Amino acid sequence: MAGHSKFKNIMHRKGKQDKARAKIFTKIAREITVAAKSGLPDPAMNPKLRLALQSARAENMPKDNIERAIKKASGADAEDIEPIRYEGYGPGGVAVIVETLTDNRNRTSAAVRAAFSKHGGNLGSTGAVAHMFDHVGEVAYPPEAGSADKILEAAIEAGADDAVSDDDGHLITTSFDNLGTVAGALEEALGEPKSVKAVWRPNLTSELDEDKAGTVLKLIDVLEDDDDVQSVYANFDISDEIMEKLMAE
């Protein structure tokens, strides 16, 4: 329970989820296009596309948006988009991983580097902080999906590694390589998930004071606001008291 709560604290975004919904659709559409372009347009034969489509359904992405994203991969004007992962340190030595999809490596690198520099951090080389994280898959369900015992049983049957339940819902963890298979099995047993995603989960965290916490959250907000940035992960932990102060500002 503590690890789950701590991770939610780490990934907290100060209530910006609703405001960023359109941006979420744009980023998922890009994931779908890249996945479709990298293999067959049939999700049954393309694990990356199947995972991207699961993420789209979990976010209630309109069917038309999904179809356009898939068609875009085979169009004559299909963008040459590549995934790039950036790693660095924020204030207080916080480790940060930034996953991007970009059609202009120079533009994205400059924007990410500028964000780190402006907020008291520095960009490192790929692999600089990845060892402080575990690359895993997560499938989330709302509380009404079932009891903790029901979810745990379904997770075991699906081949997941762990399942944690609390008042906010259920979080099922699996290896990154098995995410697509596990998510599919869970969907058959429990219905549509709340979210399906591959994440970098910290295996150690840094406690931050109020000053550094505020700066780190600003850094992450700036990075996430960039159209080329898909996801941002960091290994900080912030106390509930400090988080309440920051949210009140």
Protein backbone atom coordinates (compact mmCIF):
# COMPACT_ATOMS: atom_id res chain seq x y z
CA MET A 1 0.00 0.00 0.00
CA ALA A 2 2.78 2.42 0.94
CA GLY A 3 4.57 1.87 -2.34
CA HIS A 4 1.38 2.42 -4.32
CA SER A 5 0.56 5.62 -2.42
CA LYS A 6 4.12 6.85 -2.80
CA PHE A 7 4.06 6.24 -6.54
CA LYS A 8 0.80 8.17 -6.88
CA ASN A 9 2.47 10.98 -4.96
CA ILE A 10 5.43 10.86 -7.31
CA MET A 11 3.22 11.02 -10.39
CA HIS A 12 0.87 13.68 -8.98
CA ARG A 13 0.07 16.46 -11.41
CA LYS A 14 -1.92 18.91 -9.28
CA GLY A 15 -5.28 18.18 -10.85
CA LYS A 16 -4.32 19.00 -14.43
CA GLN A 17 -5.67 15.77 -15.96
CA ASP A 18 -8.99 17.18 -17.10
CA LYS A 19 -7.43 20.31 -18.53
CA ALA A 20 -4.96 18.24 -20.54
CA ARG A 21 -7.49 15.83 -22.05
CA ALA A 22 -7.15 17.12 -25.61
CA LYS A 23 -3.37 16.94 -25.29
CA ILE A 24 -3.66 13.35 -24.06
CA PHE A 25 -5.63 12.42 -27.19
CA THR A 26 -2.98 14.06 -29.37
CA LYS A 27 -0.19 12.14 -27.68
CA ILE A 28 -2.00 8.81 -27.84
CA ALA A 29 -2.77 9.42 -31.53
CA ARG A 30 0.94 9.89 -32.14
CA GLU A 31 1.67 6.64 -30.32
CA ILE A 32 -0.88 4.84 -32.48
CA THR A 33 0.59 6.26 -35.69
CA VAL A 34 4.15 5.30 -34.74
CA ALA A 35 3.07 1.81 -33.68
CA ALA A 36 1.07 1.27 -36.88
CA LYS A 37 3.98 2.48 -38.99
CA SER A 38 6.47 0.21 -37.23
CA GLY A 39 4.53 -2.97 -38.04
CA LEU A 40 1.31 -4.32 -39.43
CA PRO A 41 -1.86 -2.18 -39.09
CA ASP A 42 -3.60 -5.20 -37.52
CA PRO A 43 -3.38 -5.01 -33.69
CA ALA A 44 -3.61 -8.81 -33.47
CA MET A 45 -0.27 -9.00 -35.28
CA ASN A 46 1.29 -5.83 -33.86
CA PRO A 47 1.83 -5.80 -30.05
CA LYS A 48 2.84 -2.12 -29.99
CA LEU A 49 -0.31 -1.09 -31.82
CA ARG A 50 -2.45 -3.31 -29.59
CA LEU A 51 -1.03 -1.61 -26.49
CA ALA A 52 -1.56 1.87 -27.97
CA LEU A 53 -5.17 1.02 -28.80
CA GLN A 54 -5.73 -0.28 -25.28
CA SER A 55 -4.46 3.04 -23.94
CA ALA A 56 -6.78 4.91 -26.31
CA ARG A 57 -9.83 2.94 -25.22
CA ALA A 58 -8.94 3.42 -21.57
CA GLU A 59 -8.97 7.19 -22.14
CA ASN A 60 -12.29 6.99 -24.06
CA MET A 61 -10.62 8.32 -27.17
CA PRO A 62 -13.16 8.74 -30.01
CA LYS A 63 -13.14 5.97 -32.62
CA ASP A 64 -12.69 8.50 -35.46
CA ASN A 65 -9.51 9.81 -33.85
CA ILE A 66 -8.13 6.29 -33.58
CA GLU A 67 -8.92 5.44 -37.21
CA ARG A 68 -7.31 8.68 -38.44
CA ALA A 69 -4.16 7.93 -36.46
CA ILE A 70 -3.87 4.46 -38.00
CA LYS A 71 -4.51 5.72 -41.54
CA LYS A 72 -1.94 8.46 -41.08
CA ALA A 73 0.78 5.82 -40.71
CA SER A 74 0.27 4.58 -44.27
CA GLY A 75 -0.39 7.94 -45.90
CA ALA A 76 1.96 9.55 -48.38
CA ASP A 77 2.46 12.45 -45.99
CA ALA A 78 3.18 10.23 -42.98
CA GLU A 79 5.53 11.95 -40.58
CA ASP A 80 8.91 10.40 -39.81
CA ILE A 81 8.47 10.23 -36.04
CA GLU A 82 11.04 8.59 -33.78
CA PRO A 83 11.01 7.80 -30.06
CA ILE A 84 13.77 9.43 -27.99
CA ARG A 85 14.30 9.03 -24.25
CA TYR A 86 16.04 11.76 -22.27
CA GLU A 87 17.46 11.35 -18.78
CA GLY A 88 18.72 13.90 -16.32
CA TYR A 89 18.63 15.36 -12.83
CA GLY A 90 16.32 17.98 -11.37
CA PRO A 91 16.71 20.06 -8.20
CA GLY A 92 17.79 18.05 -5.16
CA GLY A 93 19.34 15.36 -7.36
CA VAL A 94 15.94 14.04 -8.45
CA ALA A 95 16.25 11.57 -11.32
CA VAL A 96 14.02 12.36 -14.30
CA ILE A 97 13.15 10.32 -17.40
CA VAL A 98 11.46 12.03 -20.35
CA GLU A 99 9.94 9.94 -23.15
CA THR A 100 9.29 11.72 -26.44
CA LEU A 101 8.02 11.08 -29.95
CA THR A 102 9.37 13.65 -32.37
CA ASP A 103 9.78 14.47 -36.04
CA ASN A 104 12.56 16.94 -35.24
CA ARG A 105 15.28 15.66 -32.91
CA ASN A 106 17.06 19.03 -32.69
CA ARG A 107 13.89 20.91 -31.71
CA THR A 108 12.97 18.39 -29.02
CA SER A 109 16.48 18.14 -27.58
CA ALA A 110 16.75 21.91 -27.33
CA ALA A 111 13.36 22.21 -25.59
CA VAL A 112 14.08 19.46 -23.08
CA ARG A 113 17.56 20.81 -22.31
CA ALA A 114 16.18 24.32 -21.84
CA ALA A 115 13.54 23.08 -19.41
CA PHE A 116 16.14 21.32 -17.27
CA SER A 117 18.49 24.32 -17.29
CA LYS A 118 15.77 26.85 -16.42
CA HIS A 119 14.59 24.84 -13.43
CA GLY A 120 17.89 24.01 -11.78
CA GLY A 121 18.55 20.66 -13.41
CA ASN A 122 20.86 19.22 -16.01
CA LEU A 123 20.38 16.78 -18.86
CA GLY A 124 22.51 13.64 -18.85
CA SER A 125 23.18 10.86 -21.32
CA THR A 126 20.79 8.00 -22.03
CA GLY A 127 21.16 5.48 -19.23
CA ALA A 128 22.27 8.06 -16.67
CA VAL A 129 19.34 7.48 -14.32
CA ALA A 130 17.43 4.52 -15.79
CA HIS A 131 18.98 2.19 -13.20
CA MET A 132 16.98 4.06 -10.53
CA PHE A 133 13.74 2.89 -12.15
CA ASP A 134 12.05 -0.37 -13.14
CA HIS A 135 10.38 -0.40 -16.56
CA VAL A 136 7.03 -2.08 -15.90
CA GLY A 137 3.48 -2.25 -17.19
CA GLU A 138 0.49 -0.99 -15.24
CA VAL A 139 -3.21 -1.68 -15.71
CA ALA A 140 -5.57 0.37 -13.54
CA TYR A 141 -9.21 -0.29 -12.70
CA PRO A 142 -11.74 1.79 -10.75
CA PRO A 143 -12.99 0.56 -7.34
CA GLU A 144 -16.26 -0.71 -8.83
CA ALA A 145 -14.39 -3.24 -11.00
CA GLY A 146 -14.55 -5.67 -8.09
CA SER A 147 -13.24 -6.60 -4.67
CA ALA A 148 -9.53 -6.78 -3.92
CA ASP A 149 -9.75 -10.59 -3.92
CA LYS A 150 -11.48 -10.64 -7.31
CA ILE A 151 -8.87 -8.32 -8.83
CA LEU A 152 -5.99 -10.32 -7.34
CA GLU A 153 -7.42 -13.56 -8.70
CA ALA A 154 -7.85 -12.05 -12.17
CA ALA A 155 -4.30 -10.63 -12.03
CA ILE A 156 -2.84 -14.04 -11.15
CA GLU A 157 -4.80 -15.73 -13.94
CA ALA A 158 -3.61 -13.08 -16.41
CA GLY A 159 0.05 -13.63 -15.46
CA ALA A 160 0.58 -10.28 -13.74
CA ASP A 161 3.27 -9.74 -11.10
CA ASP A 162 1.30 -7.81 -8.47
CA ALA A 163 -2.05 -6.21 -7.67
CA VAL A 164 -2.68 -3.48 -5.09
CA SER A 165 -6.11 -2.19 -4.10
CA ASP A 166 -7.16 0.86 -2.08
CA ASP A 167 -10.03 3.35 -1.93
CA ASP A 168 -8.95 4.90 -5.25
CA GLY A 169 -9.07 1.65 -7.20
CA HIS A 170 -6.89 -1.24 -8.29
CA LEU A 171 -3.40 -1.16 -9.80
CA ILE A 172 -2.07 -4.29 -11.45
CA THR A 173 1.62 -4.50 -12.30
CA THR A 174 3.29 -6.73 -14.85
CA SER A 175 6.56 -6.92 -16.71
CA PHE A 176 6.94 -4.50 -19.61
CA ASP A 177 7.26 -7.36 -22.10
CA ASN A 178 4.00 -8.99 -20.97
CA LEU A 179 1.91 -5.81 -20.70
CA GLY A 180 -0.10 -6.31 -23.90
CA THR A 181 -0.93 -9.94 -23.12
CA VAL A 182 -1.80 -9.28 -19.48
CA ALA A 183 -3.93 -6.24 -20.32
CA GLY A 184 -5.85 -8.25 -22.89
CA ALA A 185 -6.53 -11.08 -20.45
CA LEU A 186 -7.63 -8.63 -17.74
CA GLU A 187 -10.00 -6.91 -20.17
CA GLU A 188 -11.68 -10.22 -20.88
CA ALA A 189 -12.05 -10.95 -17.17
CA LEU A 190 -12.83 -7.49 -15.77
CA GLY A 191 -13.89 -5.30 -18.69
CA GLU A 192 -12.33 -2.08 -19.98
CA PRO A 193 -9.50 -0.82 -17.73
CA LYS A 194 -9.17 2.75 -16.54
CA SER A 195 -5.69 2.94 -18.04
CA VAL A 196 -3.03 0.76 -19.61
CA LYS A 197 0.50 2.05 -19.73
CA ALA A 198 4.19 1.23 -19.62
CA VAL A 199 5.87 3.26 -16.90
CA TRP A 200 9.24 3.86 -15.31
CA ARG A 201 8.64 3.16 -11.62
CA PRO A 202 11.30 4.44 -9.18
CA ASN A 203 13.07 1.77 -7.15
CA LEU A 204 14.40 4.43 -4.77
CA THR A 205 13.14 7.94 -4.01
CA SER A 206 14.42 11.32 -2.80
CA GLU A 207 12.51 13.28 -0.16
CA LEU A 208 12.15 16.95 -1.12
CA ASP A 209 11.65 20.07 0.95
CA GLU A 210 9.03 22.65 -0.05
CA ASP A 211 11.37 24.81 -2.12
CA LYS A 212 12.83 21.99 -4.21
CA ALA A 213 9.45 20.27 -4.49
CA GLY A 214 7.90 23.37 -6.04
CA THR A 215 10.73 23.70 -8.56
CA VAL A 216 10.63 20.02 -9.53
CA LEU A 217 6.87 20.17 -10.12
CA LYS A 218 7.34 23.23 -12.33
CA LEU A 219 10.01 21.40 -14.31
CA ILE A 220 7.70 18.44 -14.87
CA ASP A 221 4.78 20.70 -15.83
CA VAL A 222 6.92 22.46 -18.44
CA LEU A 223 8.16 19.17 -19.87
CA GLU A 224 4.68 17.64 -20.02
CA ASP A 225 3.32 20.70 -21.77
CA ASP A 226 5.68 20.14 -24.70
CA ASP A 227 3.85 18.55 -27.65
CA ASP A 228 6.75 16.17 -28.31
CA VAL A 229 6.85 14.83 -24.75
CA GLN A 230 4.78 11.71 -24.15
CA SER A 231 5.57 10.97 -20.49
CA VAL A 232 7.72 12.24 -17.63
CA TYR A 233 8.84 10.18 -14.64
CA ALA A 234 10.77 11.26 -11.56
CA ASN A 235 11.90 9.57 -8.36
CA PHE A 236 10.96 12.23 -5.81
CA ASP A 237 8.70 11.88 -2.80
CA ILE A 238 6.82 14.83 -1.31
CA SER A 239 5.12 14.79 2.08
CA ASP A 240 1.35 15.30 2.20
CA GLU A 241 1.88 18.52 4.19
CA ILE A 242 4.15 20.06 1.56
CA MET A 243 1.92 18.89 -1.29
CA GLU A 244 -1.11 20.55 0.31
CA LYS A 245 0.82 23.82 0.57
CA LEU A 246 1.88 23.65 -3.07
CA MET A 247 -1.63 22.84 -4.28
CA ALA A 248 -3.00 25.83 -2.35
CA GLU A 249 -0.72 28.28 -4.16
